[in-house]
Amino acid sequence: MDVLTDIFNRLPVKSLLRFKALSKPCRSLIDDPDFIHNHLSRSIKTRSNLNIILKGLHLYSVEFDSLDNAVPLDYPLSSGAGTEVFGSCNGVLAFRLTDKNLAFFNPSTRQFRRLPVSEIDPPPGESCKSGYIFYGFGQDVKTNDYKVVRMAKFNKADDEEDESYFFDYEVKVYSLKKDSWRKITKLPRYLRFMFQFFYHLLHRRGYGVLAGGVLHWVMPPQIKFGMRNTIVGFDLGTEEFIEVPQPDCADKSYLLDVGVLEGRLCAVCNYDQAKIDVWVMKEYGVKESWTPLLSVQRTRAINTLAFLKPLAYSKDLDKVFLEINSQKFVWYDLQKKKMRSVKIGGSPGTFGAEVYIGSLIQIDDPKRMQIEKRNEQEKLKNKSCKKRDDFLSKGFKLVL
């Protein structure tokens, strides 16, 4: 079994799901929580089993090792366009079908789980309605719990575009272990300044970036209030908001965005769509650990740099895979400081990209699993009773 375990640890999830049918010991091994954890850890360490989700009008999946063709992602309710992926963690995708209809999906195991509906409640006594909604998804490593954060901004009911009037946010957190939502009441005052129309509607910047057990968003500068770029974090362990230090960029006039590479927070500094610098935080929460990673200049092939997102390192860590302007992919060579375009067949014209790793992580509803288990036990019991009755009936006839 030790040899078998070592072999299974190196296989993709698709093969492991087939091998569950080999025998009961194989099934028990593959379903074992320790094996699931070790298989995921090895995939992360070796940068294997990586995939990319392309988010256009529909969803597509691309194998990262080949980067050849985009295949339509088959998932429950996939017939309806407009489904958005707002986060990925350990192979589990967080879906937004509508603002009240959220779900988890593991593309490797095909497990799909709807989250319970939680209403968005405006402040009492105020004439307002919900506006822009921020989402985030990640894992609380200490409790091994998967959580969703939803921050709903409220607008005046009679003047939705009036930015001079700010309402507080409603913040709720969903826990997979508890299968319930909890309202966060201790909110920092700066949240009410977080939304900026053009910044957040461009490239869907309302989705939290997970790094160091914290979800991150950017509060863009509010010049009239004297507020600069700020990285806002929500700690999934303590369920509290924090401010994250940002790098000292050479030019203070820039638009900030955040990304993640192998679990480390990235700061993406955009200088008037002419140049973009990407920094990596080597030690989470330590300002001095910010390290410049790469710099991209405007070229003939890329005449504007509206948006850049770091996605993944190559296996040898000598290149970084980037999404640029929601329209193209490039490999950036860290040594030569050069870019090479990557064309993926079947990909939509414009898209957002999200990296996910193939895993066996279980997200199924425990209540549904218990019902299915009882039904399976009932079937076995009925089958056993039928065999016994048939045996007794044949024996009775033989005696006669």
Protein backbone atom coordinates (compact mmCIF):
# COMPACT_ATOMS: atom_id res chain seq x y z
CA MET A 1 0.00 0.00 0.00
CA ASP A 2 2.93 2.37 0.62
CA VAL A 3 4.12 1.89 -2.96
CA LEU A 4 0.58 2.26 -4.27
CA THR A 5 0.10 5.46 -2.24
CA ASP A 6 3.32 6.92 -3.65
CA ILE A 7 2.19 6.11 -7.21
CA PHE A 8 -1.31 7.51 -6.68
CA ASN A 9 0.11 10.74 -5.24
CA ARG A 10 1.71 11.45 -8.63
CA LEU A 11 -1.42 10.92 -10.72
CA PRO A 12 -3.95 13.47 -11.96
CA VAL A 13 -7.38 13.55 -10.34
CA LYS A 14 -9.07 12.19 -13.47
CA SER A 15 -7.08 8.94 -13.21
CA LEU A 16 -7.63 8.63 -9.45
CA LEU A 17 -11.40 8.89 -9.86
CA ARG A 18 -11.28 5.98 -12.33
CA PHE A 19 -9.06 3.91 -10.05
CA LYS A 20 -11.60 4.13 -7.21
CA ALA A 21 -13.39 1.32 -9.07
CA LEU A 22 -10.37 -1.03 -8.86
CA SER A 23 -11.05 -2.29 -5.36
CA LYS A 24 -12.38 -1.29 -1.94
CA PRO A 25 -8.83 -0.66 -0.56
CA CYS A 26 -8.09 1.65 -3.51
CA ARG A 27 -11.35 3.51 -2.98
CA SER A 28 -10.68 3.88 0.75
CA LEU A 29 -7.18 5.19 0.04
CA ILE A 30 -8.30 7.77 -2.52
CA ASP A 31 -11.17 8.96 -0.29
CA ASP A 32 -8.93 9.24 2.77
CA PRO A 33 -8.61 12.89 3.98
CA ASP A 34 -4.86 12.50 4.58
CA PHE A 35 -4.32 11.25 1.03
CA ILE A 36 -6.43 14.10 -0.39
CA HIS A 37 -4.32 16.62 1.57
CA ASN A 38 -0.99 15.03 0.55
CA HIS A 39 -2.02 14.81 -3.12
CA LEU A 40 -2.97 18.50 -3.11
CA SER A 41 0.27 19.49 -1.32
CA ARG A 42 2.37 17.62 -3.89
CA SER A 43 0.48 19.22 -6.80
CA ILE A 44 1.13 22.68 -5.35
CA LYS A 45 4.80 21.94 -4.66
CA THR A 46 5.49 20.50 -8.13
CA ARG A 47 3.23 23.00 -9.98
CA SER A 48 1.29 20.13 -11.53
CA ASN A 49 -2.42 19.60 -12.27
CA LEU A 50 -2.82 23.32 -13.01
CA ASN A 51 -5.66 24.65 -15.15
CA ILE A 52 -6.93 28.04 -16.25
CA ILE A 53 -10.55 29.13 -16.29
CA LEU A 54 -11.42 31.64 -19.03
CA LYS A 55 -14.37 33.79 -18.05
CA GLY A 56 -16.19 35.26 -21.03
CA LEU A 57 -19.88 35.02 -21.87
CA HIS A 58 -19.38 31.32 -21.05
CA LEU A 59 -16.70 29.49 -19.08
CA TYR A 60 -13.79 27.57 -20.61
CA SER A 61 -11.02 25.43 -19.17
CA VAL A 62 -7.41 25.16 -20.40
CA GLU A 63 -4.72 22.71 -19.23
CA PHE A 64 -1.77 24.80 -18.12
CA ASP A 65 0.92 22.29 -19.17
CA SER A 66 -0.19 22.39 -22.80
CA LEU A 67 -1.98 25.77 -23.19
CA ASP A 68 -3.35 24.54 -26.51
CA ASN A 69 -7.15 24.56 -26.56
CA ALA A 70 -9.92 26.11 -24.48
CA VAL A 71 -12.65 23.56 -23.76
CA PRO A 72 -16.15 24.67 -22.66
CA LEU A 73 -16.50 23.96 -18.95
CA ASP A 74 -19.40 21.63 -18.30
CA TYR A 75 -20.92 22.46 -14.93
CA PRO A 76 -24.42 22.38 -13.39
CA LEU A 77 -26.60 25.19 -14.78
CA SER A 78 -24.03 25.80 -17.52
CA SER A 79 -26.81 26.41 -20.05
CA GLY A 80 -27.32 29.88 -18.62
CA ALA A 81 -24.80 32.56 -19.66
CA GLY A 82 -23.47 35.10 -17.20
CA THR A 83 -22.17 32.76 -14.49
CA GLU A 84 -19.10 34.33 -12.90
CA VAL A 85 -16.19 32.72 -11.07
CA PHE A 86 -15.15 35.06 -8.25
CA GLY A 87 -12.50 32.90 -6.61
CA SER A 88 -10.48 29.69 -6.66
CA CYS A 89 -8.92 27.84 -3.74
CA ASN A 90 -7.41 24.32 -3.63
CA GLY A 91 -9.29 23.24 -6.75
CA VAL A 92 -12.67 24.59 -5.65
CA LEU A 93 -14.30 27.37 -7.67
CA ALA A 94 -16.74 29.88 -6.20
CA PHE A 95 -19.60 30.70 -8.59
CA ARG A 96 -21.92 33.68 -8.68
CA LEU A 97 -25.10 32.82 -10.56
CA THR A 98 -26.98 35.85 -9.16
CA ASP A 99 -26.33 38.02 -6.11
CA LYS A 100 -28.46 35.63 -4.05
CA ASN A 101 -27.43 32.45 -5.83
CA LEU A 102 -23.86 31.40 -5.01
CA ALA A 103 -22.29 27.96 -5.30
CA PHE A 104 -19.09 25.92 -5.01
CA PHE A 105 -17.89 23.64 -7.78
CA ASN A 106 -14.92 21.27 -8.03
CA PRO A 107 -14.37 20.72 -11.79
CA SER A 108 -12.18 17.67 -11.14
CA THR A 109 -14.64 15.69 -8.97
CA ARG A 110 -17.77 17.33 -10.47
CA GLN A 111 -19.11 18.09 -6.98
CA PHE A 112 -21.46 21.09 -6.94
CA ARG A 113 -22.90 22.73 -3.86
CA ARG A 114 -25.28 25.67 -3.56
CA LEU A 115 -24.80 28.07 -0.68
CA PRO A 116 -27.83 28.91 1.47
CA VAL A 117 -29.52 32.16 0.44
CA SER A 118 -28.74 35.17 2.61
CA GLU A 119 -30.71 38.35 1.95
CA ILE A 120 -28.98 41.71 1.54
CA ASP A 121 -30.50 43.94 4.22
CA PRO A 122 -30.22 47.74 3.86
CA PRO A 123 -29.54 49.86 6.97
CA PRO A 124 -32.69 50.32 9.10
CA GLY A 125 -34.49 53.61 8.69
CA GLU A 126 -32.64 54.57 5.51
CA SER A 127 -34.11 54.98 2.02
CA CYS A 128 -31.49 53.09 0.04
CA LYS A 129 -30.85 49.98 -2.03
CA SER A 130 -27.88 47.72 -2.61
CA GLY A 131 -25.40 48.75 -5.30
CA TYR A 132 -22.01 47.26 -6.17
CA ILE A 133 -21.17 44.00 -4.39
CA PHE A 134 -17.66 42.76 -3.58
CA TYR A 135 -16.98 39.02 -3.29
CA GLY A 136 -14.12 36.91 -1.99
CA PHE A 137 -13.44 33.22 -1.46
CA GLY A 138 -10.69 31.40 0.39
CA GLN A 139 -9.62 28.99 3.11
CA ASP A 140 -9.11 29.59 6.81
CA VAL A 141 -6.03 27.37 7.17
CA LYS A 142 -6.20 27.09 10.98
CA THR A 143 -9.72 25.61 10.98
CA ASN A 144 -9.58 24.09 7.46
CA ASP A 145 -12.79 25.94 6.67
CA TYR A 146 -13.73 27.45 3.30
CA LYS A 147 -15.36 30.86 3.49
CA VAL A 148 -17.10 33.37 1.23
CA VAL A 149 -17.08 37.10 1.97
CA ARG A 150 -19.82 39.34 0.56
CA MET A 151 -19.66 43.13 0.92
CA ALA A 152 -22.76 44.97 -0.33
CA LYS A 153 -22.58 48.73 -0.90
CA PHE A 154 -25.76 50.77 -0.47
CA ASN A 155 -26.91 53.74 -2.58
CA LYS A 156 -29.59 56.36 -2.03
CA ALA A 157 -32.80 55.02 -3.51
CA ASP A 158 -33.57 58.31 -5.31
CA ASP A 159 -30.05 59.00 -6.66
CA GLU A 160 -27.94 55.93 -7.30
CA GLU A 161 -25.06 57.83 -8.93
CA ASP A 162 -24.62 60.39 -6.14
CA GLU A 163 -21.08 59.66 -5.00
CA SER A 164 -21.09 62.46 -2.44
CA TYR A 165 -23.41 60.44 -0.21
CA PHE A 166 -21.93 57.30 1.30
CA PHE A 167 -23.71 54.50 3.13
CA ASP A 168 -22.08 51.84 5.22
CA TYR A 169 -21.58 48.36 3.82
CA GLU A 170 -23.23 45.15 4.87
CA VAL A 171 -20.57 42.44 5.25
CA LYS A 172 -21.46 38.76 5.64
CA VAL A 173 -19.25 35.66 5.81
CA TYR A 174 -20.32 32.15 4.83
CA SER A 175 -18.66 29.16 6.53
CA LEU A 176 -18.69 25.79 4.74
CA LYS A 177 -18.25 23.89 8.02
CA LYS A 178 -21.22 25.61 9.63
CA ASP A 179 -23.12 25.92 6.33
CA SER A 180 -24.39 29.34 7.43
CA TRP A 181 -23.83 33.08 7.06
CA ARG A 182 -22.69 35.46 9.80
CA LYS A 183 -22.94 39.24 9.74
CA ILE A 184 -19.76 41.19 10.54
CA THR A 185 -20.62 44.19 12.69
CA LYS A 186 -17.16 45.64 13.37
CA LEU A 187 -16.44 47.55 10.15
CA PRO A 188 -13.73 50.17 9.51
CA ARG A 189 -14.92 53.62 8.48
CA TYR A 190 -12.85 53.64 5.27
CA LEU A 191 -15.04 50.93 3.71
CA ARG A 192 -17.59 53.55 2.70
CA PHE A 193 -14.97 55.11 0.38
CA MET A 194 -13.95 51.80 -1.21
CA PHE A 195 -16.07 51.79 -4.36
CA GLN A 196 -15.05 53.85 -7.40
CA PHE A 197 -17.24 53.43 -10.47
CA PHE A 198 -14.78 53.16 -13.36
CA TYR A 199 -12.06 51.39 -11.38
CA HIS A 200 -14.24 48.53 -10.15
CA LEU A 201 -16.35 48.01 -13.25
CA LEU A 202 -13.22 47.73 -15.42
CA HIS A 203 -11.91 44.13 -15.39
CA ARG A 204 -14.16 43.14 -12.44
CA ARG A 205 -11.80 44.32 -9.70
CA GLY A 206 -14.39 43.57 -7.04
CA TYR A 207 -13.15 39.99 -6.53
CA GLY A 208 -10.91 39.44 -3.54
CA VAL A 209 -7.36 38.10 -4.05
CA LEU A 210 -6.35 35.37 -1.59
CA ALA A 211 -2.84 35.40 -0.08
CA GLY A 212 -1.59 34.54 3.40
CA GLY A 213 -5.07 33.53 4.58
CA VAL A 214 -6.32 37.06 3.81
CA LEU A 215 -8.61 38.31 1.01
CA HIS A 216 -7.45 41.56 -0.61
CA TRP A 217 -9.11 44.41 -2.48
CA VAL A 218 -7.80 47.81 -3.54
CA MET A 219 -9.37 51.06 -2.45
CA PRO A 220 -8.43 53.42 -5.33
CA PRO A 221 -7.33 56.98 -4.54
CA GLN A 222 -9.99 59.53 -3.62
CA ILE A 223 -8.27 62.80 -4.47
CA LYS A 224 -11.00 65.08 -3.09
CA PHE A 225 -10.74 63.32 0.27
CA GLY A 226 -6.94 63.19 0.26
CA MET A 227 -6.92 59.39 0.25
CA ARG A 228 -4.24 57.39 -1.60
CA ASN A 229 -4.22 53.82 -2.97
CA THR A 230 -4.89 51.40 -0.13
CA ILE A 231 -4.76 47.59 0.01
CA VAL A 232 -7.67 46.43 2.15
CA GLY A 233 -7.51 42.92 3.61
CA PHE A 234 -10.03 40.67 5.33
CA ASP A 235 -8.45 38.03 7.57
CA LEU A 236 -10.42 34.79 7.16
CA GLY A 237 -9.20 33.54 10.56
CA THR A 238 -10.06 36.51 12.76
CA GLU A 239 -12.78 37.76 10.38
CA GLU A 240 -11.50 41.32 10.73
CA PHE A 241 -10.41 43.99 8.25
CA ILE A 242 -6.77 45.06 8.06
CA GLU A 243 -4.70 47.52 6.03
CA VAL A 244 -1.81 45.87 4.17
CA PRO A 245 1.42 47.84 3.54
CA GLN A 246 2.20 48.48 -0.11
CA PRO A 247 5.53 48.85 -1.91
CA ASP A 248 7.29 52.20 -2.33
CA CYS A 249 6.91 52.57 -6.08
CA ALA A 250 9.31 54.93 -7.87
CA ASP A 251 6.49 57.11 -9.14
CA LYS A 252 3.69 57.93 -6.71
CA SER A 253 1.21 58.64 -9.51
CA TYR A 254 -0.08 55.18 -10.39
CA LEU A 255 -3.18 53.01 -10.36
CA LEU A 256 -2.84 50.03 -8.05
CA ASP A 257 -4.17 46.49 -8.45
CA VAL A 258 -3.45 43.24 -6.62
CA GLY A 259 -2.74 39.69 -7.77
CA VAL A 260 -1.23 36.47 -6.45
CA LEU A 261 1.59 34.14 -7.48
CA GLU A 262 1.96 30.81 -5.66
CA GLY A 263 0.17 32.14 -2.59
CA ARG A 264 2.18 35.37 -2.40
CA LEU A 265 0.54 38.76 -2.72
CA CYS A 266 1.44 40.84 -5.78
CA ALA A 267 1.08 44.60 -6.26
CA VAL A 268 0.47 45.71 -9.85
CA CYS A 269 1.39 49.39 -10.35
CA ASN A 270 0.05 50.90 -13.59
CA TYR A 271 1.68 54.17 -14.71
CA ASP A 272 -0.80 55.89 -17.02
CA GLN A 273 -1.17 52.73 -19.20
CA ALA A 274 2.42 53.17 -20.45
CA LYS A 275 4.27 50.93 -17.98
CA ILE A 276 3.31 48.34 -15.37
CA ASP A 277 5.50 47.15 -12.50
CA VAL A 278 4.73 43.95 -10.58
CA TRP A 279 6.00 43.53 -7.00
CA VAL A 280 5.87 40.39 -4.83
CA MET A 281 5.52 40.35 -1.04
CA LYS A 282 8.02 37.66 0.02
CA GLU A 283 6.97 37.69 3.71
CA TYR A 284 3.31 38.42 4.27
CA GLY A 285 2.56 41.63 6.13
CA VAL A 286 6.18 42.86 6.09
CA LYS A 287 6.54 46.07 4.07
CA GLU A 288 10.29 45.61 3.63
CA SER A 289 9.74 42.23 1.92
CA TRP A 290 8.17 43.81 -1.18
CA THR A 291 10.44 42.84 -4.09
CA PRO A 292 10.21 44.01 -7.73
CA LEU A 293 9.46 41.03 -10.00
CA LEU A 294 8.98 42.39 -13.52
CA SER A 295 8.25 45.51 -15.54
CA VAL A 296 6.27 45.67 -18.80
CA GLN A 297 6.52 48.61 -21.21
CA ARG A 298 4.03 49.67 -23.86
CA THR A 299 5.06 48.29 -27.27
CA ARG A 300 3.78 48.19 -30.85
CA ALA A 301 2.12 44.85 -30.17
CA ILE A 302 0.61 46.21 -26.93
CA ASN A 303 -0.19 49.87 -27.59
CA THR A 304 -2.03 50.33 -24.27
CA LEU A 305 -1.54 48.66 -20.92
CA ALA A 306 -4.99 48.99 -19.39
CA PHE A 307 -4.77 45.82 -17.32
CA LEU A 308 -2.25 43.14 -16.36
CA LYS A 309 -2.72 40.09 -14.17
CA PRO A 310 0.03 37.65 -13.10
CA LEU A 311 -1.29 34.09 -13.23
CA ALA A 312 1.45 31.49 -12.63
CA TYR A 313 5.16 30.68 -12.75
CA SER A 314 6.60 28.16 -15.17
CA LYS A 315 7.84 24.89 -13.64
CA ASP A 316 11.42 26.19 -13.64
CA LEU A 317 10.41 29.55 -12.13
CA ASP A 318 12.17 31.38 -14.98
CA LYS A 319 8.97 32.71 -16.60
CA VAL A 320 5.66 34.22 -15.51
CA PHE A 321 2.38 33.69 -17.36
CA LEU A 322 0.47 36.99 -17.71
CA GLU A 323 -2.98 38.09 -18.83
CA ILE A 324 -2.89 41.48 -20.59
CA ASN A 325 -5.86 43.76 -21.35
CA SER A 326 -8.26 40.80 -20.96
CA GLN A 327 -7.40 39.89 -24.55
CA LYS A 328 -4.08 38.05 -24.71
CA PHE A 329 -1.67 35.83 -22.81
CA VAL A 330 2.11 36.16 -22.73
CA TRP A 331 5.08 34.40 -21.17
CA TYR A 332 7.43 36.90 -19.55
CA ASP A 333 11.03 35.69 -19.33
CA LEU A 334 12.46 36.94 -16.01
CA GLN A 335 16.08 36.60 -17.17
CA LYS A 336 15.84 38.03 -20.70
CA LYS A 337 13.06 40.49 -19.71
CA LYS A 338 11.20 39.68 -22.92
CA MET A 339 7.63 38.63 -23.71
CA ARG A 340 6.28 35.93 -26.00
CA SER A 341 2.61 35.79 -26.99
CA VAL A 342 0.59 32.62 -26.40
CA LYS A 343 -2.43 31.81 -28.55
CA ILE A 344 -5.01 29.42 -27.10
CA GLY A 345 -7.42 27.91 -29.59
CA GLY A 346 -11.11 28.30 -28.92
CA SER A 347 -10.70 31.09 -26.36
CA PRO A 348 -13.21 34.00 -26.37
CA GLY A 349 -12.22 37.40 -27.74
CA THR A 350 -12.23 39.04 -24.32
CA PHE A 351 -11.96 37.18 -21.06
CA GLY A 352 -10.88 37.12 -17.45
CA ALA A 353 -8.58 34.34 -16.28
CA GLU A 354 -8.41 32.38 -13.03
CA VAL A 355 -5.95 29.61 -12.14
CA TYR A 356 -7.23 26.49 -10.38
CA ILE A 357 -5.52 23.26 -9.40
CA GLY A 358 -6.98 19.78 -9.87
CA SER A 359 -7.81 18.32 -6.45
CA LEU A 360 -9.97 15.79 -4.61
CA ILE A 361 -11.21 18.33 -2.03
CA GLN A 362 -14.72 17.39 -0.89
CA ILE A 363 -17.42 20.09 -0.90
CA ASP A 364 -20.50 17.89 -1.03
CA ASP A 365 -23.38 18.66 1.31
CA PRO A 366 -23.03 16.33 4.34
CA LYS A 367 -26.82 16.12 4.74
CA ARG A 368 -27.23 14.98 1.13
CA MET A 369 -24.36 12.51 1.56
CA GLN A 370 -26.03 11.05 4.66
CA ILE A 371 -29.31 10.66 2.77
CA GLU A 372 -27.53 8.95 -0.14
CA LYS A 373 -25.69 6.68 2.30
CA ARG A 374 -28.93 5.69 3.99
CA ASN A 375 -30.54 5.05 0.61
CA GLU A 376 -27.55 2.91 -0.42
CA GLN A 377 -27.73 0.95 2.84
CA GLU A 378 -31.47 0.49 2.34
CA LYS A 379 -30.86 -0.84 -1.18
CA LEU A 380 -28.24 -3.30 0.10
CA LYS A 381 -30.57 -4.37 2.89
CA ASN A 382 -33.46 -4.93 0.47
CA LYS A 383 -31.16 -6.81 -1.90
CA SER A 384 -29.94 -9.01 0.97
CA CYS A 385 -33.53 -9.70 2.10
CA LYS A 386 -34.53 -10.58 -1.45
CA LYS A 387 -31.64 -13.07 -1.75
CA ARG A 388 -32.60 -14.62 1.58
CA ASP A 389 -36.24 -14.88 0.59
CA ASP A 390 -35.30 -16.43 -2.75
CA PHE A 391 -33.02 -18.92 -0.99
CA LEU A 392 -35.69 -19.88 1.53
CA SER A 393 -38.28 -20.21 -1.20
CA LYS A 394 -36.05 -22.51 -3.26
CA GLY A 395 -35.19 -24.56 -0.17
CA PHE A 396 -38.88 -24.91 0.74
CA LYS A 397 -39.70 -26.16 -2.79
CA LEU A 398 -36.78 -28.61 -2.63
CA VAL A 399 -38.08 -30.08 0.62
CA LEU A 400 -41.53 -30.50 -0.87
